[in-house]
């Protein structure tokens, strides 16, 4: 499973999708809302605004972390716990699209089994 791709059982690439504004639920509870989502093959991710959960910070999650998308509830479920997400490399608006940041994030999230 490629870290930066949506799982085929979660998202059908032939269908349009806009996850912005969806609530994000970690394995152990809600963590925020989707601020930005990308859908490019091999480069897909979510940027999640955590609101008050971790003091208004944003976090970036690779698309493969998504286990379910519920359009009716406007909710995205991810396979990581709140603590695992909180412990990820810090999100930086200025560098999150840089290869170095993505490599650090891939090293971190790649440690977990799907």
PDB file of N, CA and C in Angstrom:
ATOM      1  N   UNK A   1       0.846  -1.195   0.000  1.00  0.00           N
ATOM      2  CA  UNK A   1       0.000   0.000   0.000  1.00  0.00           C
ATOM      3  C   UNK A   1       0.878   1.241   0.000  1.00  0.00           C
ATOM      4  N   UNK A   2       0.674   2.074  -0.961  1.00  0.00           N
ATOM      5  CA  UNK A   2       1.418   3.324  -1.060  1.00  0.00           C
ATOM      6  C   UNK A   2       0.865   4.329  -0.051  1.00  0.00           C
ATOM      7  N   UNK A   3       1.752   4.889   0.745  1.00  0.00           N
ATOM      8  CA  UNK A   3       1.377   5.807   1.822  1.00  0.00           C
ATOM      9  C   UNK A   3       0.587   7.020   1.331  1.00  0.00           C
ATOM     10  N   UNK A   4       0.945   7.538   0.174  1.00  0.00           N
ATOM     11  CA  UNK A   4       0.353   8.781  -0.320  1.00  0.00           C
ATOM     12  C   UNK A   4      -0.785   8.555  -1.311  1.00  0.00           C
ATOM     13  N   UNK A   5      -1.417   7.392  -1.258  1.00  0.00           N
ATOM     14  CA  UNK A   5      -2.586   7.093  -2.092  1.00  0.00           C
ATOM     15  C   UNK A   5      -3.757   6.706  -1.206  1.00  0.00           C
ATOM     16  N   UNK A   6      -4.964   7.027  -1.665  1.00  0.00           N
ATOM     17  CA  UNK A   6      -6.163   6.562  -0.987  1.00  0.00           C
ATOM     18  C   UNK A   6      -6.294   5.061  -1.186  1.00  0.00           C
ATOM     19  N   UNK A   7      -6.793   4.379  -0.188  1.00  0.00           N
ATOM     20  CA  UNK A   7      -7.045   2.945  -0.318  1.00  0.00           C
ATOM     21  C   UNK A   7      -8.161   2.748  -1.341  1.00  0.00           C
ATOM     22  N   UNK A   8      -8.048   1.742  -2.200  1.00  0.00           N
ATOM     23  CA  UNK A   8      -9.071   1.534  -3.230  1.00  0.00           C
ATOM     24  C   UNK A   8     -10.452   1.222  -2.655  1.00  0.00           C
ATOM     25  N   UNK A   9     -10.511   0.642  -1.460  1.00  0.00           N
ATOM     26  CA  UNK A   9     -11.808   0.333  -0.850  1.00  0.00           C
ATOM     27  C   UNK A   9     -12.418   1.541  -0.137  1.00  0.00           C
ATOM     28  N   UNK A  10     -11.688   2.668  -0.105  1.00  0.00           N
ATOM     29  CA  UNK A  10     -12.163   3.863   0.591  1.00  0.00           C
ATOM     30  C   UNK A  10     -12.608   4.940  -0.388  1.00  0.00           C
ATOM     31  N   UNK A  11     -11.872   5.084  -1.485  1.00  0.00           N
ATOM     32  CA  UNK A  11     -12.163   6.166  -2.426  1.00  0.00           C
ATOM     33  C   UNK A  11     -11.967   5.683  -3.852  1.00  0.00           C
ATOM     34  N   UNK A  12     -13.011   5.814  -4.652  1.00  0.00           N
ATOM     35  CA  UNK A  12     -12.984   5.470  -6.065  1.00  0.00           C
ATOM     36  C   UNK A  12     -12.553   6.709  -6.848  1.00  0.00           C
ATOM     37  N   UNK A  13     -11.366   6.666  -7.414  1.00  0.00           N
ATOM     38  CA  UNK A  13     -10.806   7.830  -8.110  1.00  0.00           C
ATOM     39  C   UNK A  13     -11.666   8.306  -9.283  1.00  0.00           C
ATOM     40  N   UNK A  14     -12.559   7.489  -9.769  1.00  0.00           N
ATOM     41  CA  UNK A  14     -13.397   7.912 -10.891  1.00  0.00           C
ATOM     42  C   UNK A  14     -14.545   8.822 -10.435  1.00  0.00           C
ATOM     43  N   UNK A  15     -14.728   8.954  -9.139  1.00  0.00           N
ATOM     44  CA  UNK A  15     -15.800   9.788  -8.589  1.00  0.00           C
ATOM     45  C   UNK A  15     -15.224  11.089  -8.033  1.00  0.00           C
ATOM     46  N   UNK A  16     -15.920  12.211  -8.262  1.00  0.00           N
ATOM     47  CA  UNK A  16     -15.441  13.473  -7.687  1.00  0.00           C
ATOM     48  C   UNK A  16     -15.562  13.437  -6.167  1.00  0.00           C
ATOM     49  N   UNK A  17     -14.641  14.120  -5.500  1.00  0.00           N
ATOM     50  CA  UNK A  17     -14.626  14.111  -4.046  1.00  0.00           C
ATOM     51  C   UNK A  17     -14.060  15.428  -3.541  1.00  0.00           C
ATOM     52  N   UNK A  18     -14.706  16.011  -2.545  1.00  0.00           N
ATOM     53  CA  UNK A  18     -14.179  17.210  -1.894  1.00  0.00           C
ATOM     54  C   UNK A  18     -14.362  17.014  -0.396  1.00  0.00           C
ATOM     55  N   UNK A  19     -13.277  16.713   0.299  1.00  0.00           N
ATOM     56  CA  UNK A  19     -13.336  16.427   1.730  1.00  0.00           C
ATOM     57  C   UNK A  19     -13.208  17.670   2.607  1.00  0.00           C
ATOM     58  N   UNK A  20     -12.944  18.821   2.026  1.00  0.00           N
ATOM     59  CA  UNK A  20     -12.799  20.043   2.821  1.00  0.00           C
ATOM     60  C   UNK A  20     -14.048  20.257   3.679  1.00  0.00           C
ATOM     61  N   UNK A  21     -13.820  20.491   4.966  1.00  0.00           N
ATOM     62  CA  UNK A  21     -14.915  20.709   5.893  1.00  0.00           C
ATOM     63  C   UNK A  21     -15.422  19.452   6.584  1.00  0.00           C
ATOM     64  N   UNK A  22     -15.008  18.285   6.127  1.00  0.00           N
ATOM     65  CA  UNK A  22     -15.413  17.036   6.775  1.00  0.00           C
ATOM     66  C   UNK A  22     -14.769  16.948   8.160  1.00  0.00           C
ATOM     67  N   UNK A  23     -15.478  16.360   9.108  1.00  0.00           N
ATOM     68  CA  UNK A  23     -14.907  16.091  10.424  1.00  0.00           C
ATOM     69  C   UNK A  23     -13.968  14.900  10.308  1.00  0.00           C
ATOM     70  N   UNK A  24     -12.911  14.904  11.115  1.00  0.00           N
ATOM     71  CA  UNK A  24     -11.944  13.808  11.086  1.00  0.00           C
ATOM     72  C   UNK A  24     -11.986  13.091  12.425  1.00  0.00           C
ATOM     73  N   UNK A  25     -12.163  11.775  12.350  1.00  0.00           N
ATOM     74  CA  UNK A  25     -12.234  10.940  13.536  1.00  0.00           C
ATOM     75  C   UNK A  25     -11.050   9.990  13.552  1.00  0.00           C
ATOM     76  N   UNK A  26     -10.205  10.126  14.578  1.00  0.00           N
ATOM     77  CA  UNK A  26      -9.088   9.210  14.785  1.00  0.00           C
ATOM     78  C   UNK A  26      -9.637   7.909  15.355  1.00  0.00           C
ATOM     79  N   UNK A  27      -8.768   6.932  15.545  1.00  0.00           N
ATOM     80  CA  UNK A  27      -9.197   5.643  16.093  1.00  0.00           C
ATOM     81  C   UNK A  27      -9.824   5.793  17.472  1.00  0.00           C
ATOM     82  N   UNK A  28      -9.485   6.886  18.177  1.00  0.00           N
ATOM     83  CA  UNK A  28      -9.997   7.082  19.538  1.00  0.00           C
ATOM     84  C   UNK A  28     -10.730   8.408  19.740  1.00  0.00           C
ATOM     85  N   UNK A  29     -11.292   8.962  18.678  1.00  0.00           N
ATOM     86  CA  UNK A  29     -12.114  10.161  18.851  1.00  0.00           C
ATOM     87  C   UNK A  29     -11.849  11.234  17.805  1.00  0.00           C
ATOM     88  N   UNK A  30     -12.699  12.242  17.807  1.00  0.00           N
ATOM     89  CA  UNK A  30     -12.632  13.323  16.829  1.00  0.00           C
ATOM     90  C   UNK A  30     -11.397  14.190  17.061  1.00  0.00           C
ATOM     91  N   UNK A  31     -10.743  14.578  15.942  1.00  0.00           N
ATOM     92  CA  UNK A  31      -9.535  15.399  16.068  1.00  0.00           C
ATOM     93  C   UNK A  31      -9.628  16.753  15.386  1.00  0.00           C
ATOM     94  N   UNK A  32     -10.613  16.966  14.539  1.00  0.00           N
ATOM     95  CA  UNK A  32     -10.719  18.257  13.860  1.00  0.00           C
ATOM     96  C   UNK A  32     -11.474  18.143  12.560  1.00  0.00           C
ATOM     97  N   UNK A  33     -11.191  19.092  11.651  1.00  0.00           N
ATOM     98  CA  UNK A  33     -11.843  19.106  10.350  1.00  0.00           C
ATOM     99  C   UNK A  33     -10.803  19.217   9.236  1.00  0.00           C
ATOM    100  N   UNK A  34     -11.183  18.687   8.077  1.00  0.00           N
ATOM    101  CA  UNK A  34     -10.289  18.749   6.922  1.00  0.00           C
ATOM    102  C   UNK A  34     -10.218  20.184   6.434  1.00  0.00           C
ATOM    103  N   UNK A  35      -9.006  20.718   6.393  1.00  0.00           N
ATOM    104  CA  UNK A  35      -8.758  22.064   5.883  1.00  0.00           C
ATOM    105  C   UNK A  35      -8.440  22.003   4.395  1.00  0.00           C
ATOM    106  N   UNK A  36      -7.700  20.968   4.016  1.00  0.00           N
ATOM    107  CA  UNK A  36      -7.288  20.790   2.622  1.00  0.00           C
ATOM    108  C   UNK A  36      -7.119  19.305   2.351  1.00  0.00           C
ATOM    109  N   UNK A  37      -7.467  18.894   1.143  1.00  0.00           N
ATOM    110  CA  UNK A  37      -7.252  17.513   0.733  1.00  0.00           C
ATOM    111  C   UNK A  37      -6.766  17.514  -0.706  1.00  0.00           C
ATOM    112  N   UNK A  38      -5.859  16.597  -1.010  1.00  0.00           N
ATOM    113  CA  UNK A  38      -5.386  16.463  -2.383  1.00  0.00           C
ATOM    114  C   UNK A  38      -5.710  15.066  -2.876  1.00  0.00           C
ATOM    115  N   UNK A  39      -5.736  14.915  -4.190  1.00  0.00           N
ATOM    116  CA  UNK A  39      -6.204  13.673  -4.786  1.00  0.00           C
ATOM    117  C   UNK A  39      -5.283  13.162  -5.893  1.00  0.00           C
ATOM    118  N   UNK A  40      -4.043  13.656  -5.968  1.00  0.00           N
ATOM    119  CA  UNK A  40      -3.106  13.223  -7.001  1.00  0.00           C
ATOM    120  C   UNK A  40      -2.544  11.852  -6.647  1.00  0.00           C
ATOM    121  N   UNK A  41      -2.422  10.999  -7.633  1.00  0.00           N
ATOM    122  CA  UNK A  41      -1.860   9.670  -7.423  1.00  0.00           C
ATOM    123  C   UNK A  41      -0.440   9.790  -6.872  1.00  0.00           C
ATOM    124  N   UNK A  42      -0.197   9.103  -5.770  1.00  0.00           N
ATOM    125  CA  UNK A  42       1.117   9.088  -5.160  1.00  0.00           C
ATOM    126  C   UNK A  42       1.479  10.319  -4.351  1.00  0.00           C
ATOM    127  N   UNK A  43       0.563  11.297  -4.239  1.00  0.00           N
ATOM    128  CA  UNK A  43       0.851  12.529  -3.509  1.00  0.00           C
ATOM    129  C   UNK A  43      -0.339  13.019  -2.693  1.00  0.00           C
ATOM    130  N   UNK A  44      -1.270  12.153  -2.376  1.00  0.00           N
ATOM    131  CA  UNK A  44      -2.506  12.575  -1.713  1.00  0.00           C
ATOM    132  C   UNK A  44      -2.366  12.629  -0.196  1.00  0.00           C
ATOM    133  N   UNK A  45      -2.957  13.653   0.380  1.00  0.00           N
ATOM    134  CA  UNK A  45      -2.896  13.854   1.829  1.00  0.00           C
ATOM    135  C   UNK A  45      -4.068  14.701   2.289  1.00  0.00           C
ATOM    136  N   UNK A  46      -4.226  14.771   3.614  1.00  0.00           N
ATOM    137  CA  UNK A  46      -5.178  15.674   4.255  1.00  0.00           C
ATOM    138  C   UNK A  46      -4.403  16.617   5.158  1.00  0.00           C
ATOM    139  N   UNK A  47      -4.820  17.871   5.181  1.00  0.00           N
ATOM    140  CA  UNK A  47      -4.361  18.806   6.200  1.00  0.00           C
ATOM    141  C   UNK A  47      -5.568  19.013   7.109  1.00  0.00           C
ATOM    142  N   UNK A  48      -5.379  18.720   8.399  1.00  0.00           N
ATOM    143  CA  UNK A  48      -6.476  18.757   9.359  1.00  0.00           C
ATOM    144  C   UNK A  48      -6.247  19.895  10.345  1.00  0.00           C
ATOM    145  N   UNK A  49      -7.264  20.742  10.484  1.00  0.00           N
ATOM    146  CA  UNK A  49      -7.246  21.798  11.497  1.00  0.00           C
ATOM    147  C   UNK A  49      -7.762  21.174  12.784  1.00  0.00           C
ATOM    148  N   UNK A  50      -6.909  21.099  13.793  1.00  0.00           N
ATOM    149  CA  UNK A  50      -7.269  20.405  15.029  1.00  0.00           C
ATOM    150  C   UNK A  50      -8.071  21.263  15.996  1.00  0.00           C
ATOM    151  N   UNK A  51      -8.268  22.534  15.685  1.00  0.00           N
ATOM    152  CA  UNK A  51      -9.043  23.385  16.579  1.00  0.00           C
ATOM    153  C   UNK A  51      -8.452  23.382  17.972  1.00  0.00           C
ATOM    154  N   UNK A  52      -9.278  23.316  19.008  1.00  0.00           N
ATOM    155  CA  UNK A  52      -8.766  23.385  20.375  1.00  0.00           C
ATOM    156  C   UNK A  52      -8.065  22.112  20.853  1.00  0.00           C
ATOM    157  N   UNK A  53      -8.203  21.006  20.086  1.00  0.00           N
ATOM    158  CA  UNK A  53      -7.629  19.746  20.542  1.00  0.00           C
ATOM    159  C   UNK A  53      -6.132  19.884  20.809  1.00  0.00           C
ATOM    160  N   UNK A  54      -5.351  20.393  19.859  1.00  0.00           N
ATOM    161  CA  UNK A  54      -3.938  20.677  20.142  1.00  0.00           C
ATOM    162  C   UNK A  54      -3.658  22.146  19.837  1.00  0.00           C
ATOM    163  N   UNK A  55      -4.480  22.975  20.427  1.00  0.00           N
ATOM    164  CA  UNK A  55      -4.311  24.426  20.424  1.00  0.00           C
ATOM    165  C   UNK A  55      -4.296  25.033  19.032  1.00  0.00           C
ATOM    166  N   UNK A  56      -5.229  24.583  18.196  1.00  0.00           N
ATOM    167  CA  UNK A  56      -5.426  25.201  16.900  1.00  0.00           C
ATOM    168  C   UNK A  56      -4.358  24.889  15.870  1.00  0.00           C
ATOM    169  N   UNK A  57      -3.549  23.900  16.126  1.00  0.00           N
ATOM    170  CA  UNK A  57      -2.532  23.526  15.147  1.00  0.00           C
ATOM    171  C   UNK A  57      -3.156  22.731  14.016  1.00  0.00           C
ATOM    172  N   UNK A  58      -2.383  22.611  12.947  1.00  0.00           N
ATOM    173  CA  UNK A  58      -2.765  21.754  11.834  1.00  0.00           C
ATOM    174  C   UNK A  58      -1.837  20.554  11.813  1.00  0.00           C
ATOM    175  N   UNK A  59      -2.335  19.465  11.257  1.00  0.00           N
ATOM    176  CA  UNK A  59      -1.537  18.260  11.079  1.00  0.00           C
ATOM    177  C   UNK A  59      -1.764  17.759   9.652  1.00  0.00           C
ATOM    178  N   UNK A  60      -0.794  17.016   9.158  1.00  0.00           N
ATOM    179  CA  UNK A  60      -0.909  16.444   7.823  1.00  0.00           C
ATOM    180  C   UNK A  60      -0.926  14.933   7.945  1.00  0.00           C
ATOM    181  N   UNK A  61      -1.871  14.316   7.244  1.00  0.00           N
ATOM    182  CA  UNK A  61      -2.015  12.863   7.254  1.00  0.00           C
ATOM    183  C   UNK A  61      -1.923  12.336   5.825  1.00  0.00           C
ATOM    184  N   UNK A  62      -1.161  11.268   5.603  1.00  0.00           N
ATOM    185  CA  UNK A  62      -1.144  10.663   4.267  1.00  0.00           C
ATOM    186  C   UNK A  62      -2.502  10.032   3.973  1.00  0.00           C
ATOM    187  N   UNK A  63      -2.880  10.026   2.710  1.00  0.00           N
ATOM    188  CA  UNK A  63      -4.197   9.522   2.308  1.00  0.00           C
ATOM    189  C   UNK A  63      -4.440   8.083   2.734  1.00  0.00           C
ATOM    190  N   UNK A  64      -3.394   7.277   2.831  1.00  0.00           N
ATOM    191  CA  UNK A  64      -3.586   5.868   3.197  1.00  0.00           C
ATOM    192  C   UNK A  64      -4.061   5.694   4.633  1.00  0.00           C
ATOM    193  N   UNK A  65      -3.959   6.744   5.447  1.00  0.00           N
ATOM    194  CA  UNK A  65      -4.433   6.661   6.831  1.00  0.00           C
ATOM    195  C   UNK A  65      -5.958   6.642   6.908  1.00  0.00           C
ATOM    196  N   UNK A  66      -6.622   7.036   5.823  1.00  0.00           N
ATOM    197  CA  UNK A  66      -8.088   7.077   5.817  1.00  0.00           C
ATOM    198  C   UNK A  66      -8.632   5.664   5.674  1.00  0.00           C
ATOM    199  N   UNK A  67      -9.509   5.293   6.608  1.00  0.00           N
ATOM    200  CA  UNK A  67     -10.119   3.964   6.576  1.00  0.00           C
ATOM    201  C   UNK A  67     -11.560   3.988   6.099  1.00  0.00           C
ATOM    202  N   UNK A  68     -12.191   5.166   6.189  1.00  0.00           N
ATOM    203  CA  UNK A  68     -13.602   5.273   5.777  1.00  0.00           C
ATOM    204  C   UNK A  68     -13.932   6.732   5.506  1.00  0.00           C
ATOM    205  N   UNK A  69     -14.746   6.950   4.480  1.00  0.00           N
ATOM    206  CA  UNK A  69     -15.293   8.277   4.188  1.00  0.00           C
ATOM    207  C   UNK A  69     -16.803   8.132   4.235  1.00  0.00           C
ATOM    208  N   UNK A  70     -17.450   8.945   5.083  1.00  0.00           N
ATOM    209  CA  UNK A  70     -18.902   8.900   5.237  1.00  0.00           C
ATOM    210  C   UNK A  70     -19.493  10.215   4.742  1.00  0.00           C
ATOM    211  N   UNK A  71     -19.899  10.280   3.462  1.00  0.00           N
ATOM    212  CA  UNK A  71     -20.444  11.526   2.924  1.00  0.00           C
ATOM    213  C   UNK A  71     -21.718  11.985   3.635  1.00  0.00           C
ATOM    214  N   UNK A  72     -22.541  11.042   4.090  1.00  0.00           N
ATOM    215  CA  UNK A  72     -23.777  11.402   4.783  1.00  0.00           C
ATOM    216  C   UNK A  72     -23.516  12.166   6.069  1.00  0.00           C
ATOM    217  N   UNK A  73     -22.527  11.733   6.820  1.00  0.00           N
ATOM    218  CA  UNK A  73     -22.162  12.391   8.081  1.00  0.00           C
ATOM    219  C   UNK A  73     -21.064  13.432   7.883  1.00  0.00           C
ATOM    220  N   UNK A  74     -20.547  13.516   6.648  1.00  0.00           N
ATOM    221  CA  UNK A  74     -19.419  14.414   6.340  1.00  0.00           C
ATOM    222  C   UNK A  74     -18.271  14.155   7.329  1.00  0.00           C
ATOM    223  N   UNK A  75     -17.876  12.890   7.368  1.00  0.00           N
ATOM    224  CA  UNK A  75     -16.855  12.473   8.316  1.00  0.00           C
ATOM    225  C   UNK A  75     -15.842  11.547   7.630  1.00  0.00           C
ATOM    226  N   UNK A  76     -14.574  11.725   8.016  1.00  0.00           N
ATOM    227  CA  UNK A  76     -13.466  10.901   7.550  1.00  0.00           C
ATOM    228  C   UNK A  76     -12.914  10.176   8.765  1.00  0.00           C
ATOM    229  N   UNK A  77     -12.751   8.869   8.666  1.00  0.00           N
ATOM    230  CA  UNK A  77     -12.165   8.071   9.742  1.00  0.00           C
ATOM    231  C   UNK A  77     -10.729   7.735   9.350  1.00  0.00           C
ATOM    232  N   UNK A  78      -9.812   7.856  10.321  1.00  0.00           N
ATOM    233  CA  UNK A  78      -8.417   7.529  10.064  1.00  0.00           C
ATOM    234  C   UNK A  78      -7.943   6.456  11.041  1.00  0.00           C
ATOM    235  N   UNK A  79      -6.913   5.737  10.632  1.00  0.00           N
ATOM    236  CA  UNK A  79      -6.442   4.575  11.384  1.00  0.00           C
ATOM    237  C   UNK A  79      -5.509   4.910  12.541  1.00  0.00           C
ATOM    238  N   UNK A  80      -5.098   6.110  12.689  1.00  0.00           N
ATOM    239  CA  UNK A  80      -4.156   6.503  13.747  1.00  0.00           C
ATOM    240  C   UNK A  80      -4.896   7.030  14.970  1.00  0.00           C
ATOM    241  N   UNK A  81      -4.254   6.906  16.135  1.00  0.00           N
ATOM    242  CA  UNK A  81      -4.830   7.447  17.377  1.00  0.00           C
ATOM    243  C   UNK A  81      -4.507   8.932  17.480  1.00  0.00           C
ATOM    244  N   UNK A  82      -5.178   9.586  18.385  1.00  0.00           N
ATOM    245  CA  UNK A  82      -4.905  11.011  18.622  1.00  0.00           C
ATOM    246  C   UNK A  82      -3.439  11.226  18.984  1.00  0.00           C
ATOM    247  N   UNK A  83      -2.904  10.385  19.860  1.00  0.00           N
ATOM    248  CA  UNK A  83      -1.514  10.559  20.294  1.00  0.00           C
ATOM    249  C   UNK A  83      -0.546  10.339  19.138  1.00  0.00           C
ATOM    250  N   UNK A  84      -0.798   9.342  18.298  1.00  0.00           N
ATOM    251  CA  UNK A  84       0.069   9.102  17.145  1.00  0.00           C
ATOM    252  C   UNK A  84       0.065  10.301  16.200  1.00  0.00           C
ATOM    253  N   UNK A  85      -1.089  10.904  16.015  1.00  0.00           N
ATOM    254  CA  UNK A  85      -1.191  12.087  15.157  1.00  0.00           C
ATOM    255  C   UNK A  85      -0.491  13.278  15.807  1.00  0.00           C
ATOM    256  N   UNK A  86      -0.702  13.449  17.090  1.00  0.00           N
ATOM    257  CA  UNK A  86      -0.078  14.558  17.814  1.00  0.00           C
ATOM    258  C   UNK A  86       1.451  14.449  17.807  1.00  0.00           C
ATOM    259  N   UNK A  87       1.989  13.219  17.835  1.00  0.00           N
ATOM    260  CA  UNK A  87       3.429  12.987  17.871  1.00  0.00           C
ATOM    261  C   UNK A  87       4.103  13.064  16.499  1.00  0.00           C
ATOM    262  N   UNK A  88       3.338  13.230  15.442  1.00  0.00           N
ATOM    263  CA  UNK A  88       3.903  13.301  14.091  1.00  0.00           C
ATOM    264  C   UNK A  88       4.764  14.553  13.934  1.00  0.00           C
ATOM    265  N   UNK A  89       5.652  14.570  12.932  1.00  0.00           N
ATOM    266  CA  UNK A  89       6.446  15.778  12.693  1.00  0.00           C
ATOM    267  C   UNK A  89       5.548  17.009  12.580  1.00  0.00           C
ATOM    268  N   UNK A  90       5.992  18.090  13.191  1.00  0.00           N
ATOM    269  CA  UNK A  90       5.186  19.310  13.255  1.00  0.00           C
ATOM    270  C   UNK A  90       4.883  19.851  11.861  1.00  0.00           C
ATOM    271  N   UNK A  91       3.648  20.270  11.677  1.00  0.00           N
ATOM    272  CA  UNK A  91       3.190  20.837  10.416  1.00  0.00           C
ATOM    273  C   UNK A  91       3.682  22.277  10.305  1.00  0.00           C
ATOM    274  N   UNK A  92       4.171  22.646   9.129  1.00  0.00           N
ATOM    275  CA  UNK A  92       4.632  24.009   8.865  1.00  0.00           C
ATOM    276  C   UNK A  92       4.037  24.457   7.535  1.00  0.00           C
ATOM    277  N   UNK A  93       3.219  25.512   7.577  1.00  0.00           N
ATOM    278  CA  UNK A  93       2.552  26.022   6.367  1.00  0.00           C
ATOM    279  C   UNK A  93       3.537  26.301   5.239  1.00  0.00           C
ATOM    280  N   UNK A  94       4.755  26.711   5.584  1.00  0.00           N
ATOM    281  CA  UNK A  94       5.719  27.099   4.570  1.00  0.00           C
ATOM    282  C   UNK A  94       6.482  25.954   3.938  1.00  0.00           C
ATOM    283  N   UNK A  95       6.521  24.803   4.594  1.00  0.00           N
ATOM    284  CA  UNK A  95       7.356  23.713   4.074  1.00  0.00           C
ATOM    285  C   UNK A  95       6.627  22.392   3.872  1.00  0.00           C
ATOM    286  N   UNK A  96       5.330  22.337   4.144  1.00  0.00           N
ATOM    287  CA  UNK A  96       4.662  21.033   4.112  1.00  0.00           C
ATOM    288  C   UNK A  96       4.592  20.402   2.730  1.00  0.00           C
ATOM    289  N   UNK A  97       4.805  21.171   1.680  1.00  0.00           N
ATOM    290  CA  UNK A  97       4.801  20.594   0.329  1.00  0.00           C
ATOM    291  C   UNK A  97       6.204  20.220  -0.144  1.00  0.00           C
ATOM    292  N   UNK A  98       7.196  20.470   0.675  1.00  0.00           N
ATOM    293  CA  UNK A  98       8.581  20.158   0.317  1.00  0.00           C
ATOM    294  C   UNK A  98       8.861  18.662   0.479  1.00  0.00           C
ATOM    295  N   UNK A  99       9.706  18.097  -0.395  1.00  0.00           N
ATOM    296  CA  UNK A  99      10.021  16.658  -0.312  1.00  0.00           C
ATOM    297  C   UNK A  99      10.614  16.245   1.040  1.00  0.00           C
ATOM    298  N   UNK A 100      11.416  17.097   1.652  1.00  0.00           N
ATOM    299  CA  UNK A 100      12.046  16.751   2.925  1.00  0.00           C
ATOM    300  C   UNK A 100      10.994  16.519   4.021  1.00  0.00           C
ATOM    301  N   UNK A 101       9.984  17.379   4.058  1.00  0.00           N
ATOM    302  CA  UNK A 101       8.929  17.214   5.060  1.00  0.00           C
ATOM    303  C   UNK A 101       8.147  15.937   4.799  1.00  0.00           C
ATOM    304  N   UNK A 102       7.813  15.701   3.541  1.00  0.00           N
ATOM    305  CA  UNK A 102       7.055  14.494   3.203  1.00  0.00           C
ATOM    306  C   UNK A 102       7.850  13.236   3.540  1.00  0.00           C
ATOM    307  N   UNK A 103       9.154  13.281   3.366  1.00  0.00           N
ATOM    308  CA  UNK A 103       9.998  12.140   3.719  1.00  0.00           C
ATOM    309  C   UNK A 103       9.960  11.894   5.221  1.00  0.00           C
ATOM    310  N   UNK A 104      10.064  12.957   6.021  1.00  0.00           N
ATOM    311  CA  UNK A 104       9.982  12.809   7.485  1.00  0.00           C
ATOM    312  C   UNK A 104       8.630  12.252   7.885  1.00  0.00           C
ATOM    313  N   UNK A 105       7.565  12.756   7.271  1.00  0.00           N
ATOM    314  CA  UNK A 105       6.217  12.280   7.578  1.00  0.00           C
ATOM    315  C   UNK A 105       6.060  10.821   7.163  1.00  0.00           C
ATOM    316  N   UNK A 106       6.597  10.460   5.999  1.00  0.00           N
ATOM    317  CA  UNK A 106       6.526   9.073   5.529  1.00  0.00           C
ATOM    318  C   UNK A 106       7.302   8.142   6.463  1.00  0.00           C
ATOM    319  N   UNK A 107       8.462   8.593   6.933  1.00  0.00           N
ATOM    320  CA  UNK A 107       9.229   7.791   7.883  1.00  0.00           C
ATOM    321  C   UNK A 107       8.434   7.564   9.159  1.00  0.00           C
ATOM    322  N   UNK A 108       7.747   8.606   9.620  1.00  0.00           N
ATOM    323  CA  UNK A 108       6.960   8.506  10.854  1.00  0.00           C
ATOM    324  C   UNK A 108       5.747   7.594  10.652  1.00  0.00           C
ATOM    325  N   UNK A 109       4.877   7.910   9.699  1.00  0.00           N
ATOM    326  CA  UNK A 109       3.646   7.131   9.504  1.00  0.00           C
ATOM    327  C   UNK A 109       3.917   5.754   8.923  1.00  0.00           C
ATOM    328  N   UNK A 110       5.020   5.587   8.213  1.00  0.00           N
ATOM    329  CA  UNK A 110       5.371   4.297   7.642  1.00  0.00           C
ATOM    330  C   UNK A 110       5.698   3.246   8.675  1.00  0.00           C
ATOM    331  N   UNK A 111       5.971   3.681   9.911  1.00  0.00           N
ATOM    332  CA  UNK A 111       6.274   2.730  10.999  1.00  0.00           C
ATOM    333  C   UNK A 111       5.058   1.941  11.427  1.00  0.00           C
ATOM    334  N   UNK A 112       3.884   2.489  11.193  1.00  0.00           N
ATOM    335  CA  UNK A 112       2.646   1.869  11.663  1.00  0.00           C
ATOM    336  C   UNK A 112       2.113   0.897  10.624  1.00  0.00           C
ATOM    337  N   UNK A 113       1.588  -0.206  11.088  1.00  0.00           N
ATOM    338  CA  UNK A 113       0.922  -1.113  10.157  1.00  0.00           C
ATOM    339  C   UNK A 113      -0.453  -0.547   9.866  1.00  0.00           C
ATOM    340  N   UNK A 114      -0.927  -0.828   8.691  1.00  0.00           N
ATOM    341  CA  UNK A 114      -2.217  -0.282   8.249  1.00  0.00           C
ATOM    342  C   UNK A 114      -3.361  -0.902   8.952  1.00  0.00           C
TER     343      UNK A 114
END
